[in-house]
Amino acid sequence: MTSISINMRGIHGDAFCRDGDITYRVPVEHTGDYKRGLMVMFDLIDPKPPDEARAQVIARLKLELATWAKANEQAVCW
């Protein structure tokens, strides 16, 4: 993964995670603590990774989002 950006519209938004030439869109929403908490919904990832690579892609996304969250004083859950 090379970059992460999060675009929020109210309590809902999208996390965009770039992996090479593919950008994955993962829906997120505030967990109730609007300043610190984001719930990441990997079930709705777009585009869907191939079945054989799905677990690996999601594991990389989780690591990148956790690193981003720590650097930005955010909390994430999935």
Foldseek 3Di string as FASTA:
>chain_A
DPDWDWDDDAQKTWIWDDDPPDIKTWIWGAPPPVVAEIETHLVPIPPQDPPVCRVVVVVVVVVVVVVVSVVVVHYYHD
